[in-house]
Amino acid sequence: MSSGRKSVQILSSSGKRIYATFNYVNDWDGKLSNIQMLKDRTIPAGKYVYVVLITKKDKQPNDAKKGYLTII
């Protein structure tokens, strides 16, 4: 994956955002740690969508990566 600032969102199958960060450093543990009301709750097993946006520093076009992940 390209270098630059990485923002990450995890979405439920219905499109609800369950996790988001604007400076991702490979530290998500499968919990809703940045949603205050549900802090530290583990998300249920299932299929989720991830979206990674890489903002480059050198004025090159941003990169976006999308895909699926499964929590078991």
PDB file of N, CA and C in Angstrom:
ATOM      1  N   MET A   1       0.842  -1.161   0.000  1.00  0.00           N
ATOM      2  CA  MET A   1       0.000   0.000   0.000  1.00  0.00           C
ATOM      3  C   MET A   1       0.897   1.235   0.000  1.00  0.00           C
ATOM      4  N   SER A   2       0.461   2.276  -0.649  1.00  0.00           N
ATOM      5  CA  SER A   2       1.241   3.507  -0.793  1.00  0.00           C
ATOM      6  C   SER A   2       1.501   4.173   0.553  1.00  0.00           C
ATOM      7  N   SER A   3       2.528   5.017   0.552  1.00  0.00           N
ATOM      8  CA  SER A   3       2.790   5.774   1.773  1.00  0.00           C
ATOM      9  C   SER A   3       1.943   7.034   1.783  1.00  0.00           C
ATOM     10  N   GLY A   4       1.743   7.574   2.944  1.00  0.00           N
ATOM     11  CA  GLY A   4       0.918   8.756   3.128  1.00  0.00           C
ATOM     12  C   GLY A   4       0.007   8.557   4.318  1.00  0.00           C
ATOM     13  N   ARG A   5      -0.801   9.548   4.597  1.00  0.00           N
ATOM     14  CA  ARG A   5      -1.743   9.457   5.713  1.00  0.00           C
ATOM     15  C   ARG A   5      -2.907   8.555   5.326  1.00  0.00           C
ATOM     16  N   LYS A   6      -3.253   7.631   6.207  1.00  0.00           N
ATOM     17  CA  LYS A   6      -4.303   6.651   5.917  1.00  0.00           C
ATOM     18  C   LYS A   6      -5.502   6.849   6.832  1.00  0.00           C
ATOM     19  N   SER A   7      -6.661   7.058   6.227  1.00  0.00           N
ATOM     20  CA  SER A   7      -7.894   7.069   7.007  1.00  0.00           C
ATOM     21  C   SER A   7      -8.631   5.774   6.703  1.00  0.00           C
ATOM     22  N   VAL A   8      -9.261   5.212   7.721  1.00  0.00           N
ATOM     23  CA  VAL A   8      -9.927   3.919   7.591  1.00  0.00           C
ATOM     24  C   VAL A   8     -11.342   4.019   8.124  1.00  0.00           C
ATOM     25  N   GLN A   9     -12.264   3.405   7.401  1.00  0.00           N
ATOM     26  CA  GLN A   9     -13.640   3.256   7.876  1.00  0.00           C
ATOM     27  C   GLN A   9     -14.012   1.779   7.749  1.00  0.00           C
ATOM     28  N   ILE A  10     -14.746   1.285   8.736  1.00  0.00           N
ATOM     29  CA  ILE A  10     -15.321  -0.059   8.695  1.00  0.00           C
ATOM     30  C   ILE A  10     -16.831   0.136   8.724  1.00  0.00           C
ATOM     31  N   LEU A  11     -17.519  -0.495   7.774  1.00  0.00           N
ATOM     32  CA  LEU A  11     -18.967  -0.359   7.651  1.00  0.00           C
ATOM     33  C   LEU A  11     -19.638  -1.706   7.820  1.00  0.00           C
ATOM     34  N   SER A  12     -20.819  -1.705   8.429  1.00  0.00           N
ATOM     35  CA  SER A  12     -21.614  -2.930   8.534  1.00  0.00           C
ATOM     36  C   SER A  12     -22.204  -3.253   7.165  1.00  0.00           C
ATOM     37  N   SER A  13     -22.800  -4.410   7.038  1.00  0.00           N
ATOM     38  CA  SER A  13     -23.412  -4.806   5.760  1.00  0.00           C
ATOM     39  C   SER A  13     -24.561  -3.881   5.379  1.00  0.00           C
ATOM     40  N   SER A  14     -25.143  -3.181   6.334  1.00  0.00           N
ATOM     41  CA  SER A  14     -26.216  -2.228   6.036  1.00  0.00           C
ATOM     42  C   SER A  14     -25.688  -0.825   5.746  1.00  0.00           C
ATOM     43  N   GLY A  15     -24.361  -0.648   5.793  1.00  0.00           N
ATOM     44  CA  GLY A  15     -23.753   0.638   5.480  1.00  0.00           C
ATOM     45  C   GLY A  15     -23.516   1.546   6.664  1.00  0.00           C
ATOM     46  N   LYS A  16     -23.803   1.078   7.869  1.00  0.00           N
ATOM     47  CA  LYS A  16     -23.591   1.888   9.066  1.00  0.00           C
ATOM     48  C   LYS A  16     -22.104   1.887   9.435  1.00  0.00           C
ATOM     49  N   ARG A  17     -21.547   3.074   9.651  1.00  0.00           N
ATOM     50  CA  ARG A  17     -20.137   3.168  10.030  1.00  0.00           C
ATOM     51  C   ARG A  17     -19.972   2.712  11.466  1.00  0.00           C
ATOM     52  N   ILE A  18     -19.102   1.734  11.686  1.00  0.00           N
ATOM     53  CA  ILE A  18     -18.881   1.220  13.031  1.00  0.00           C
ATOM     54  C   ILE A  18     -17.492   1.551  13.561  1.00  0.00           C
ATOM     55  N   TYR A  19     -16.615   2.005  12.658  1.00  0.00           N
ATOM     56  CA  TYR A  19     -15.267   2.386  13.076  1.00  0.00           C
ATOM     57  C   TYR A  19     -14.726   3.388  12.068  1.00  0.00           C
ATOM     58  N   ALA A  20     -14.039   4.391  12.542  1.00  0.00           N
ATOM     59  CA  ALA A  20     -13.387   5.359  11.662  1.00  0.00           C
ATOM     60  C   ALA A  20     -12.209   5.981  12.382  1.00  0.00           C
ATOM     61  N   THR A  21     -11.147   6.206  11.645  1.00  0.00           N
ATOM     62  CA  THR A  21      -9.987   6.913  12.168  1.00  0.00           C
ATOM     63  C   THR A  21      -9.329   7.653  11.014  1.00  0.00           C
ATOM     64  N   PHE A  22      -8.695   8.757  11.320  1.00  0.00           N
ATOM     65  CA  PHE A  22      -8.059   9.557  10.278  1.00  0.00           C
ATOM     66  C   PHE A  22      -6.553   9.417  10.265  1.00  0.00           C
ATOM     67  N   ASN A  23      -5.995   8.620  11.147  1.00  0.00           N
ATOM     68  CA  ASN A  23      -4.550   8.405  11.164  1.00  0.00           C
ATOM     69  C   ASN A  23      -4.283   6.953  11.548  1.00  0.00           C
ATOM     70  N   TYR A  24      -4.702   6.033  10.693  1.00  0.00           N
ATOM     71  CA  TYR A  24      -4.634   4.606  11.001  1.00  0.00           C
ATOM     72  C   TYR A  24      -3.191   4.113  11.004  1.00  0.00           C
ATOM     73  N   VAL A  25      -2.848   3.359  12.037  1.00  0.00           N
ATOM     74  CA  VAL A  25      -1.500   2.799  12.167  1.00  0.00           C
ATOM     75  C   VAL A  25      -1.562   1.298  12.447  1.00  0.00           C
ATOM     76  N   ASN A  26      -2.489   0.601  11.788  1.00  0.00           N
ATOM     77  CA  ASN A  26      -2.640  -0.845  11.914  1.00  0.00           C
ATOM     78  C   ASN A  26      -2.892  -1.277  13.361  1.00  0.00           C
ATOM     79  N   ASP A  27      -3.826  -0.599  14.027  1.00  0.00           N
ATOM     80  CA  ASP A  27      -4.055  -0.862  15.438  1.00  0.00           C
ATOM     81  C   ASP A  27      -5.508  -1.208  15.780  1.00  0.00           C
ATOM     82  N   TRP A  28      -6.357  -1.453  14.783  1.00  0.00           N
ATOM     83  CA  TRP A  28      -7.754  -1.776  15.084  1.00  0.00           C
ATOM     84  C   TRP A  28      -7.839  -3.186  15.634  1.00  0.00           C
ATOM     85  N   ASP A  29      -8.581  -3.357  16.735  1.00  0.00           N
ATOM     86  CA  ASP A  29      -8.671  -4.648  17.413  1.00  0.00           C
ATOM     87  C   ASP A  29     -10.053  -5.285  17.312  1.00  0.00           C
ATOM     88  N   GLY A  30     -10.885  -4.805  16.377  1.00  0.00           N
ATOM     89  CA  GLY A  30     -12.213  -5.384  16.204  1.00  0.00           C
ATOM     90  C   GLY A  30     -13.234  -4.861  17.201  1.00  0.00           C
ATOM     91  N   LYS A  31     -12.904  -3.777  17.879  1.00  0.00           N
ATOM     92  CA  LYS A  31     -13.824  -3.188  18.851  1.00  0.00           C
ATOM     93  C   LYS A  31     -14.293  -1.824  18.373  1.00  0.00           C
ATOM     94  N   LEU A  32     -15.382  -1.369  18.944  1.00  0.00           N
ATOM     95  CA  LEU A  32     -15.965  -0.075  18.616  1.00  0.00           C
ATOM     96  C   LEU A  32     -15.330   1.010  19.469  1.00  0.00           C
ATOM     97  N   SER A  33     -14.029   1.012  19.563  1.00  0.00           N
ATOM     98  CA  SER A  33     -13.335   1.863  20.530  1.00  0.00           C
ATOM     99  C   SER A  33     -13.439   3.350  20.268  1.00  0.00           C
ATOM    100  N   ASN A  34     -13.802   3.780  19.062  1.00  0.00           N
ATOM    101  CA  ASN A  34     -13.886   5.221  18.851  1.00  0.00           C
ATOM    102  C   ASN A  34     -15.328   5.705  18.730  1.00  0.00           C
ATOM    103  N   ILE A  35     -16.272   4.886  19.094  1.00  0.00           N
ATOM    104  CA  ILE A  35     -17.672   5.293  19.162  1.00  0.00           C
ATOM    105  C   ILE A  35     -18.022   5.315  20.640  1.00  0.00           C
ATOM    106  N   GLN A  36     -18.116   6.496  21.209  1.00  0.00           N
ATOM    107  CA  GLN A  36     -18.159   6.668  22.661  1.00  0.00           C
ATOM    108  C   GLN A  36     -19.238   5.840  23.357  1.00  0.00           C
ATOM    109  N   MET A  37     -20.468   5.815  22.822  1.00  0.00           N
ATOM    110  CA  MET A  37     -21.550   5.102  23.512  1.00  0.00           C
ATOM    111  C   MET A  37     -21.304   3.595  23.584  1.00  0.00           C
ATOM    112  N   LEU A  38     -20.567   3.061  22.641  1.00  0.00           N
ATOM    113  CA  LEU A  38     -20.346   1.617  22.573  1.00  0.00           C
ATOM    114  C   LEU A  38     -18.893   1.261  22.837  1.00  0.00           C
ATOM    115  N   LYS A  39     -18.186   2.134  23.506  1.00  0.00           N
ATOM    116  CA  LYS A  39     -16.753   1.995  23.709  1.00  0.00           C
ATOM    117  C   LYS A  39     -16.356   0.595  24.190  1.00  0.00           C
ATOM    118  N   ASP A  40     -15.348   0.049  23.520  1.00  0.00           N
ATOM    119  CA  ASP A  40     -14.720  -1.229  23.861  1.00  0.00           C
ATOM    120  C   ASP A  40     -15.620  -2.447  23.660  1.00  0.00           C
ATOM    121  N   ARG A  41     -16.741  -2.308  22.966  1.00  0.00           N
ATOM    122  CA  ARG A  41     -17.564  -3.471  22.642  1.00  0.00           C
ATOM    123  C   ARG A  41     -17.041  -4.138  21.387  1.00  0.00           C
ATOM    124  N   THR A  42     -16.926  -5.451  21.402  1.00  0.00           N
ATOM    125  CA  THR A  42     -16.498  -6.203  20.235  1.00  0.00           C
ATOM    126  C   THR A  42     -17.647  -6.272  19.246  1.00  0.00           C
ATOM    127  N   ILE A  43     -17.339  -6.099  17.967  1.00  0.00           N
ATOM    128  CA  ILE A  43     -18.401  -6.161  16.968  1.00  0.00           C
ATOM    129  C   ILE A  43     -18.817  -7.610  16.755  1.00  0.00           C
ATOM    130  N   PRO A  44     -20.067  -7.843  16.359  1.00  0.00           N
ATOM    131  CA  PRO A  44     -20.539  -9.209  16.141  1.00  0.00           C
ATOM    132  C   PRO A  44     -19.858  -9.860  14.945  1.00  0.00           C
ATOM    133  N   ALA A  45     -19.820 -11.178  14.952  1.00  0.00           N
ATOM    134  CA  ALA A  45     -19.289 -11.920  13.809  1.00  0.00           C
ATOM    135  C   ALA A  45     -20.100 -11.563  12.567  1.00  0.00           C
ATOM    136  N   GLY A  46     -19.419 -11.495  11.438  1.00  0.00           N
ATOM    137  CA  GLY A  46     -20.104 -11.197  10.194  1.00  0.00           C
ATOM    138  C   GLY A  46     -19.174 -10.589   9.172  1.00  0.00           C
ATOM    139  N   LYS A  47     -19.747 -10.186   8.051  1.00  0.00           N
ATOM    140  CA  LYS A  47     -18.998  -9.598   6.946  1.00  0.00           C
ATOM    141  C   LYS A  47     -19.120  -8.078   7.006  1.00  0.00           C
ATOM    142  N   TYR A  48     -18.005  -7.391   6.844  1.00  0.00           N
ATOM    143  CA  TYR A  48     -17.936  -5.946   6.923  1.00  0.00           C
ATOM    144  C   TYR A  48     -17.180  -5.396   5.717  1.00  0.00           C
ATOM    145  N   VAL A  49     -17.392  -4.136   5.433  1.00  0.00           N
ATOM    146  CA  VAL A  49     -16.707  -3.451   4.337  1.00  0.00           C
ATOM    147  C   VAL A  49     -15.661  -2.526   4.940  1.00  0.00           C
ATOM    148  N   TYR A  50     -14.470  -2.507   4.339  1.00  0.00           N
ATOM    149  CA  TYR A  50     -13.476  -1.522   4.764  1.00  0.00           C
ATOM    150  C   TYR A  50     -13.194  -0.560   3.611  1.00  0.00           C
ATOM    151  N   VAL A  51     -12.903   0.675   3.971  1.00  0.00           N
ATOM    152  CA  VAL A  51     -12.522   1.705   3.009  1.00  0.00           C
ATOM    153  C   VAL A  51     -11.281   2.386   3.561  1.00  0.00           C
ATOM    154  N   VAL A  52     -10.206   2.371   2.783  1.00  0.00           N
ATOM    155  CA  VAL A  52      -8.961   3.028   3.173  1.00  0.00           C
ATOM    156  C   VAL A  52      -8.694   4.134   2.166  1.00  0.00           C
ATOM    157  N   LEU A  53      -8.503   5.346   2.656  1.00  0.00           N
ATOM    158  CA  LEU A  53      -8.140   6.470   1.802  1.00  0.00           C
ATOM    159  C   LEU A  53      -6.734   6.902   2.181  1.00  0.00           C
ATOM    160  N   ILE A  54      -5.847   6.906   1.203  1.00  0.00           N
ATOM    161  CA  ILE A  54      -4.463   7.297   1.439  1.00  0.00           C
ATOM    162  C   ILE A  54      -4.266   8.687   0.846  1.00  0.00           C
ATOM    163  N   THR A  55      -4.004   9.643   1.706  1.00  0.00           N
ATOM    164  CA  THR A  55      -3.760  11.012   1.276  1.00  0.00           C
ATOM    165  C   THR A  55      -2.262  11.195   1.125  1.00  0.00           C
ATOM    166  N   LYS A  56      -1.822  11.425  -0.096  1.00  0.00           N
ATOM    167  CA  LYS A  56      -0.388  11.549  -0.368  1.00  0.00           C
ATOM    168  C   LYS A  56       0.097  12.964  -0.094  1.00  0.00           C
ATOM    169  N   LYS A  57       1.353  13.071   0.283  1.00  0.00           N
ATOM    170  CA  LYS A  57       1.943  14.361   0.625  1.00  0.00           C
ATOM    171  C   LYS A  57       2.524  15.083  -0.593  1.00  0.00           C
ATOM    172  N   ASP A  58       2.780  14.367  -1.663  1.00  0.00           N
ATOM    173  CA  ASP A  58       3.489  14.940  -2.797  1.00  0.00           C
ATOM    174  C   ASP A  58       2.565  15.409  -3.929  1.00  0.00           C
ATOM    175  N   LYS A  59       1.326  15.762  -3.605  1.00  0.00           N
ATOM    176  CA  LYS A  59       0.332  16.275  -4.551  1.00  0.00           C
ATOM    177  C   LYS A  59      -0.046  15.272  -5.641  1.00  0.00           C
ATOM    178  N   GLN A  60       0.256  14.011  -5.431  1.00  0.00           N
ATOM    179  CA  GLN A  60      -0.189  12.957  -6.329  1.00  0.00           C
ATOM    180  C   GLN A  60      -1.638  12.635  -6.007  1.00  0.00           C
ATOM    181  N   PRO A  61      -2.375  12.023  -6.948  1.00  0.00           N
ATOM    182  CA  PRO A  61      -3.777  11.666  -6.645  1.00  0.00           C
ATOM    183  C   PRO A  61      -3.861  10.733  -5.438  1.00  0.00           C
ATOM    184  N   ASN A  62      -4.900  10.905  -4.647  1.00  0.00           N
ATOM    185  CA  ASN A  62      -5.126  10.033  -3.493  1.00  0.00           C
ATOM    186  C   ASN A  62      -5.479   8.634  -3.968  1.00  0.00           C
ATOM    187  N   ASP A  63      -5.171   7.647  -3.162  1.00  0.00           N
ATOM    188  CA  ASP A  63      -5.526   6.257  -3.442  1.00  0.00           C
ATOM    189  C   ASP A  63      -6.675   5.848  -2.539  1.00  0.00           C
ATOM    190  N   ALA A  64      -7.591   5.060  -3.058  1.00  0.00           N
ATOM    191  CA  ALA A  64      -8.676   4.491  -2.252  1.00  0.00           C
ATOM    192  C   ALA A  64      -8.665   2.981  -2.446  1.00  0.00           C
ATOM    193  N   LYS A  65      -8.774   2.269  -1.364  1.00  0.00           N
ATOM    194  CA  LYS A  65      -8.850   0.810  -1.383  1.00  0.00           C
ATOM    195  C   LYS A  65     -10.124   0.398  -0.667  1.00  0.00           C
ATOM    196  N   LYS A  66     -10.871  -0.504  -1.279  1.00  0.00           N
ATOM    197  CA  LYS A  66     -12.106  -1.015  -0.670  1.00  0.00           C
ATOM    198  C   LYS A  66     -12.079  -2.530  -0.725  1.00  0.00           C
ATOM    199  N   GLY A  67     -12.743  -3.137   0.244  1.00  0.00           N
ATOM    200  CA  GLY A  67     -12.807  -4.576   0.259  1.00  0.00           C
ATOM    201  C   GLY A  67     -13.680  -5.064   1.392  1.00  0.00           C
ATOM    202  N   TYR A  68     -13.628  -6.356   1.629  1.00  0.00           N
ATOM    203  CA  TYR A  68     -14.441  -6.995   2.664  1.00  0.00           C
ATOM    204  C   TYR A  68     -13.520  -7.639   3.691  1.00  0.00           C
ATOM    205  N   LEU A  69     -14.015  -7.697   4.900  1.00  0.00           N
ATOM    206  CA  LEU A  69     -13.349  -8.475   5.945  1.00  0.00           C
ATOM    207  C   LEU A  69     -14.404  -9.235   6.720  1.00  0.00           C
ATOM    208  N   THR A  70     -14.017 -10.337   7.270  1.00  0.00           N
ATOM    209  CA  THR A  70     -14.943 -11.181   8.012  1.00  0.00           C
ATOM    210  C   THR A  70     -14.449 -11.320   9.439  1.00  0.00           C
ATOM    211  N   ILE A  71     -15.328 -11.051  10.380  1.00  0.00           N
ATOM    212  CA  ILE A  71     -15.052 -11.249  11.813  1.00  0.00           C
ATOM    213  C   ILE A  71     -15.693 -12.588  12.185  1.00  0.00           C
ATOM    214  N   ILE A  72     -14.889 -13.480  12.749  1.00  0.00           N
ATOM    215  CA  ILE A  72     -15.432 -14.796  13.153  1.00  0.00           C
ATOM    216  C   ILE A  72     -15.334 -14.982  14.649  1.00  0.00           C
TER     217      ILE A  72
END
